């Protein structure tokens, strides 16, 4: 039997996006979008889809959008660094 997909309200989606972004602080690397999405019980692309949802993003303040943008930049840089050090 397959698990039922989890449905999140808009407020919950925003909360998870901001929690993920807050994990990418100045002093330590955060969790990948892929990993966080799987922990929520969704597919690996769950948060990525939320980040591309204009209706959801319009509910954020400019500061929150900036925080998400910076977290995505840091996550991308961390992934590139990990791939480079692994030789891929």
N, C-alpha and C. Protein backbone atom coordinates (compact mmCIF):
# COMPACT_ATOMS: atom_id res chain seq x y z
N UNK A 1 0.84 -1.18 0.00
CA UNK A 1 0.00 0.00 0.00
C UNK A 1 0.89 1.25 0.00
N UNK A 2 0.52 2.23 -0.78
CA UNK A 2 1.28 3.47 -0.90
C UNK A 2 0.80 4.50 0.10
N UNK A 3 1.70 5.30 0.64
CA UNK A 3 1.27 6.35 1.57
C UNK A 3 0.47 7.42 0.83
N UNK A 4 -0.45 8.00 1.52
CA UNK A 4 -1.26 9.07 0.95
C UNK A 4 -0.40 10.33 0.85
N UNK A 5 -0.53 11.05 -0.26
CA UNK A 5 0.23 12.31 -0.37
C UNK A 5 -0.22 13.30 0.69
N UNK A 6 0.71 14.05 1.19
CA UNK A 6 0.42 15.05 2.22
C UNK A 6 0.02 16.34 1.52
N UNK A 7 -1.02 16.96 2.01
CA UNK A 7 -1.46 18.25 1.48
C UNK A 7 -1.09 19.33 2.48
N UNK A 8 -0.52 20.40 1.98
CA UNK A 8 -0.13 21.52 2.83
C UNK A 8 -0.92 22.76 2.46
N UNK A 9 -1.34 23.49 3.47
CA UNK A 9 -1.98 24.79 3.26
C UNK A 9 -0.91 25.80 2.86
N UNK A 10 -1.33 26.88 2.25
CA UNK A 10 -0.39 27.91 1.81
C UNK A 10 0.49 28.40 2.95
N UNK A 11 -0.10 28.60 4.13
CA UNK A 11 0.67 29.08 5.28
C UNK A 11 1.74 28.08 5.68
N UNK A 12 1.40 26.80 5.59
CA UNK A 12 2.36 25.75 5.94
C UNK A 12 3.51 25.71 4.92
N UNK A 13 3.16 25.87 3.65
CA UNK A 13 4.18 25.89 2.60
C UNK A 13 5.16 27.03 2.84
N UNK A 14 4.62 28.21 3.11
CA UNK A 14 5.47 29.37 3.38
C UNK A 14 6.35 29.10 4.60
N UNK A 15 5.77 28.54 5.63
CA UNK A 15 6.53 28.22 6.84
C UNK A 15 7.68 27.26 6.56
N UNK A 16 7.43 26.24 5.75
CA UNK A 16 8.48 25.28 5.42
C UNK A 16 9.56 25.92 4.55
N UNK A 17 9.17 26.76 3.61
CA UNK A 17 10.16 27.44 2.77
C UNK A 17 11.07 28.32 3.62
N UNK A 18 10.47 29.07 4.53
CA UNK A 18 11.26 29.96 5.38
C UNK A 18 12.14 29.19 6.36
N UNK A 19 11.62 28.07 6.86
CA UNK A 19 12.42 27.24 7.76
C UNK A 19 13.62 26.66 7.01
N UNK A 20 13.38 26.19 5.77
CA UNK A 20 14.48 25.67 4.97
C UNK A 20 15.52 26.77 4.72
N UNK A 21 15.06 27.95 4.33
CA UNK A 21 15.97 29.06 4.04
C UNK A 21 16.76 29.49 5.27
N UNK A 22 16.11 29.49 6.43
CA UNK A 22 16.79 29.89 7.67
C UNK A 22 17.93 28.94 8.01
N UNK A 23 17.86 27.71 7.54
CA UNK A 23 18.91 26.74 7.79
C UNK A 23 20.21 27.06 7.07
N UNK A 24 20.13 27.95 6.08
CA UNK A 24 21.33 28.34 5.33
C UNK A 24 21.90 29.62 5.90
N UNK A 25 22.23 29.58 7.18
CA UNK A 25 22.81 30.74 7.85
C UNK A 25 24.23 30.99 7.41
N UNK A 26 24.84 32.01 7.98
CA UNK A 26 26.19 32.40 7.61
C UNK A 26 27.25 31.40 8.04
N UNK A 27 27.01 30.67 9.11
CA UNK A 27 28.06 29.86 9.71
C UNK A 27 28.05 28.39 9.31
N UNK A 28 26.98 27.91 8.69
CA UNK A 28 26.92 26.49 8.41
C UNK A 28 26.04 26.24 7.19
N UNK A 29 26.30 25.13 6.48
CA UNK A 29 25.45 24.80 5.33
C UNK A 29 24.12 24.24 5.81
N UNK A 30 23.09 24.52 5.05
CA UNK A 30 21.77 24.01 5.38
C UNK A 30 21.49 22.69 4.68
N UNK A 31 20.25 22.32 4.72
CA UNK A 31 19.80 21.07 4.12
C UNK A 31 19.41 21.32 2.66
N UNK A 32 19.64 20.35 1.81
CA UNK A 32 19.27 20.51 0.40
C UNK A 32 17.75 20.54 0.26
N UNK A 33 17.30 21.19 -0.81
CA UNK A 33 15.86 21.19 -1.11
C UNK A 33 15.35 19.77 -1.26
N UNK A 34 16.14 18.95 -1.91
CA UNK A 34 15.79 17.55 -2.16
C UNK A 34 15.54 16.81 -0.85
N UNK A 35 16.49 16.92 0.06
CA UNK A 35 16.39 16.23 1.34
C UNK A 35 15.21 16.74 2.16
N UNK A 36 15.06 18.06 2.23
CA UNK A 36 13.96 18.64 3.00
C UNK A 36 12.62 18.21 2.41
N UNK A 37 12.51 18.21 1.09
CA UNK A 37 11.27 17.79 0.43
C UNK A 37 10.91 16.35 0.77
N UNK A 38 11.91 15.47 0.72
CA UNK A 38 11.65 14.07 1.05
C UNK A 38 11.24 13.89 2.50
N UNK A 39 11.85 14.67 3.39
CA UNK A 39 11.47 14.58 4.80
C UNK A 39 10.02 14.99 5.03
N UNK A 40 9.52 15.91 4.19
CA UNK A 40 8.13 16.34 4.31
C UNK A 40 7.15 15.31 3.75
N UNK A 41 7.68 14.29 3.14
CA UNK A 41 6.81 13.25 2.60
C UNK A 41 6.41 13.47 1.16
N UNK A 42 7.07 14.41 0.50
CA UNK A 42 6.76 14.69 -0.90
C UNK A 42 7.83 14.13 -1.80
N UNK A 43 7.71 14.48 -3.06
CA UNK A 43 8.75 14.07 -4.01
C UNK A 43 9.97 14.95 -3.79
N UNK A 44 11.05 14.61 -4.45
CA UNK A 44 12.27 15.39 -4.30
C UNK A 44 12.11 16.81 -4.82
N UNK A 45 11.09 17.08 -5.61
CA UNK A 45 10.89 18.40 -6.22
C UNK A 45 9.83 19.24 -5.50
N UNK A 46 9.36 18.80 -4.36
CA UNK A 46 8.26 19.48 -3.68
C UNK A 46 8.55 20.96 -3.41
N UNK A 47 9.62 21.25 -2.69
CA UNK A 47 9.94 22.64 -2.36
C UNK A 47 10.29 23.44 -3.60
N UNK A 48 10.95 22.81 -4.55
CA UNK A 48 11.30 23.51 -5.78
C UNK A 48 10.03 24.00 -6.48
N UNK A 49 9.01 23.19 -6.49
CA UNK A 49 7.73 23.60 -7.07
C UNK A 49 7.12 24.77 -6.32
N UNK A 50 7.21 24.75 -5.00
CA UNK A 50 6.68 25.85 -4.20
C UNK A 50 7.45 27.14 -4.49
N UNK A 51 8.76 27.02 -4.69
CA UNK A 51 9.58 28.20 -4.96
C UNK A 51 9.27 28.82 -6.32
N UNK A 52 8.62 28.07 -7.19
CA UNK A 52 8.26 28.57 -8.52
C UNK A 52 6.79 28.96 -8.60
N UNK A 53 6.11 28.95 -7.47
CA UNK A 53 4.67 29.27 -7.43
C UNK A 53 4.48 30.76 -7.19
N UNK A 54 4.09 31.54 -8.23
CA UNK A 54 3.97 32.99 -8.07
C UNK A 54 2.94 33.40 -7.02
N UNK A 55 1.86 32.65 -6.90
CA UNK A 55 0.83 32.99 -5.91
C UNK A 55 1.39 32.84 -4.49
N UNK A 56 2.13 31.79 -4.28
CA UNK A 56 2.72 31.55 -2.97
C UNK A 56 3.78 32.61 -2.66
N UNK A 57 4.62 32.91 -3.63
CA UNK A 57 5.68 33.89 -3.43
C UNK A 57 5.14 35.30 -3.21
N UNK A 58 3.98 35.59 -3.79
CA UNK A 58 3.40 36.93 -3.62
C UNK A 58 2.96 37.19 -2.18
N UNK A 59 2.79 36.12 -1.41
CA UNK A 59 2.39 36.26 0.00
C UNK A 59 3.58 36.60 0.90
N UNK A 60 4.79 36.53 0.34
CA UNK A 60 5.99 36.79 1.13
C UNK A 60 6.36 38.27 1.10
N UNK A 61 7.04 38.70 2.15
CA UNK A 61 7.59 40.05 2.15
C UNK A 61 8.85 40.06 1.28
N UNK A 62 9.31 41.24 0.92
CA UNK A 62 10.54 41.33 0.13
C UNK A 62 11.71 40.73 0.89
N UNK A 63 11.75 40.95 2.19
CA UNK A 63 12.83 40.38 3.02
C UNK A 63 12.81 38.86 2.97
N UNK A 64 11.62 38.26 3.04
CA UNK A 64 11.50 36.81 2.97
C UNK A 64 11.91 36.29 1.60
N UNK A 65 11.51 36.97 0.53
CA UNK A 65 11.92 36.57 -0.81
C UNK A 65 13.44 36.65 -0.96
N UNK A 66 14.03 37.70 -0.39
CA UNK A 66 15.49 37.83 -0.43
C UNK A 66 16.16 36.68 0.32
N UNK A 67 15.58 36.30 1.47
CA UNK A 67 16.13 35.21 2.26
C UNK A 67 16.09 33.90 1.46
N UNK A 68 14.98 33.65 0.76
CA UNK A 68 14.87 32.45 -0.06
C UNK A 68 15.87 32.48 -1.21
N UNK A 69 16.00 33.62 -1.83
CA UNK A 69 16.94 33.76 -2.94
C UNK A 69 18.37 33.49 -2.49
N UNK A 70 18.74 34.05 -1.36
CA UNK A 70 20.09 33.84 -0.82
C UNK A 70 20.31 32.37 -0.44
N UNK A 71 19.31 31.74 0.14
CA UNK A 71 19.42 30.32 0.51
C UNK A 71 19.58 29.46 -0.74
N UNK A 72 18.85 29.77 -1.79
CA UNK A 72 18.98 29.00 -3.04
C UNK A 72 20.38 29.18 -3.63
N UNK A 73 20.91 30.40 -3.55
CA UNK A 73 22.25 30.66 -4.06
C UNK A 73 23.28 29.85 -3.28
N UNK A 74 23.17 29.88 -1.96
CA UNK A 74 24.11 29.14 -1.11
C UNK A 74 24.00 27.64 -1.33
N UNK A 75 22.77 27.14 -1.46
CA UNK A 75 22.56 25.71 -1.69
C UNK A 75 23.17 25.30 -3.02
N UNK A 76 23.00 26.12 -4.03
CA UNK A 76 23.56 25.83 -5.34
C UNK A 76 25.09 25.82 -5.29
N UNK A 77 25.66 26.80 -4.61
CA UNK A 77 27.12 26.85 -4.47
C UNK A 77 27.65 25.64 -3.70
N UNK A 78 26.94 25.24 -2.66
CA UNK A 78 27.37 24.09 -1.86
C UNK A 78 27.32 22.82 -2.70
N UNK A 79 26.29 22.69 -3.51
CA UNK A 79 26.16 21.51 -4.37
C UNK A 79 27.29 21.48 -5.40
N UNK A 80 27.56 22.63 -6.01
CA UNK A 80 28.64 22.70 -6.99
C UNK A 80 29.98 22.37 -6.34
N UNK A 81 30.19 22.87 -5.13
CA UNK A 81 31.43 22.58 -4.41
C UNK A 81 31.56 21.11 -4.09
N UNK A 82 30.48 20.48 -3.69
CA UNK A 82 30.51 19.06 -3.36
C UNK A 82 30.78 18.22 -4.62
N UNK A 83 30.17 18.61 -5.73
CA UNK A 83 30.41 17.88 -6.98
C UNK A 83 31.86 18.03 -7.44
N UNK A 84 32.39 19.24 -7.30
CA UNK A 84 33.77 19.49 -7.72
C UNK A 84 34.74 18.68 -6.88
N UNK A 85 34.52 18.63 -5.58
CA UNK A 85 35.43 17.89 -4.70
C UNK A 85 35.31 16.39 -4.89
N UNK A 86 34.15 15.94 -5.41
CA UNK A 86 33.96 14.52 -5.67
C UNK A 86 34.47 14.14 -7.06
N UNK A 87 34.91 15.13 -7.81
CA UNK A 87 35.44 14.86 -9.15
C UNK A 87 34.40 14.80 -10.22
N UNK A 88 33.15 15.28 -9.92
CA UNK A 88 32.07 15.19 -10.92
C UNK A 88 31.67 16.50 -11.33
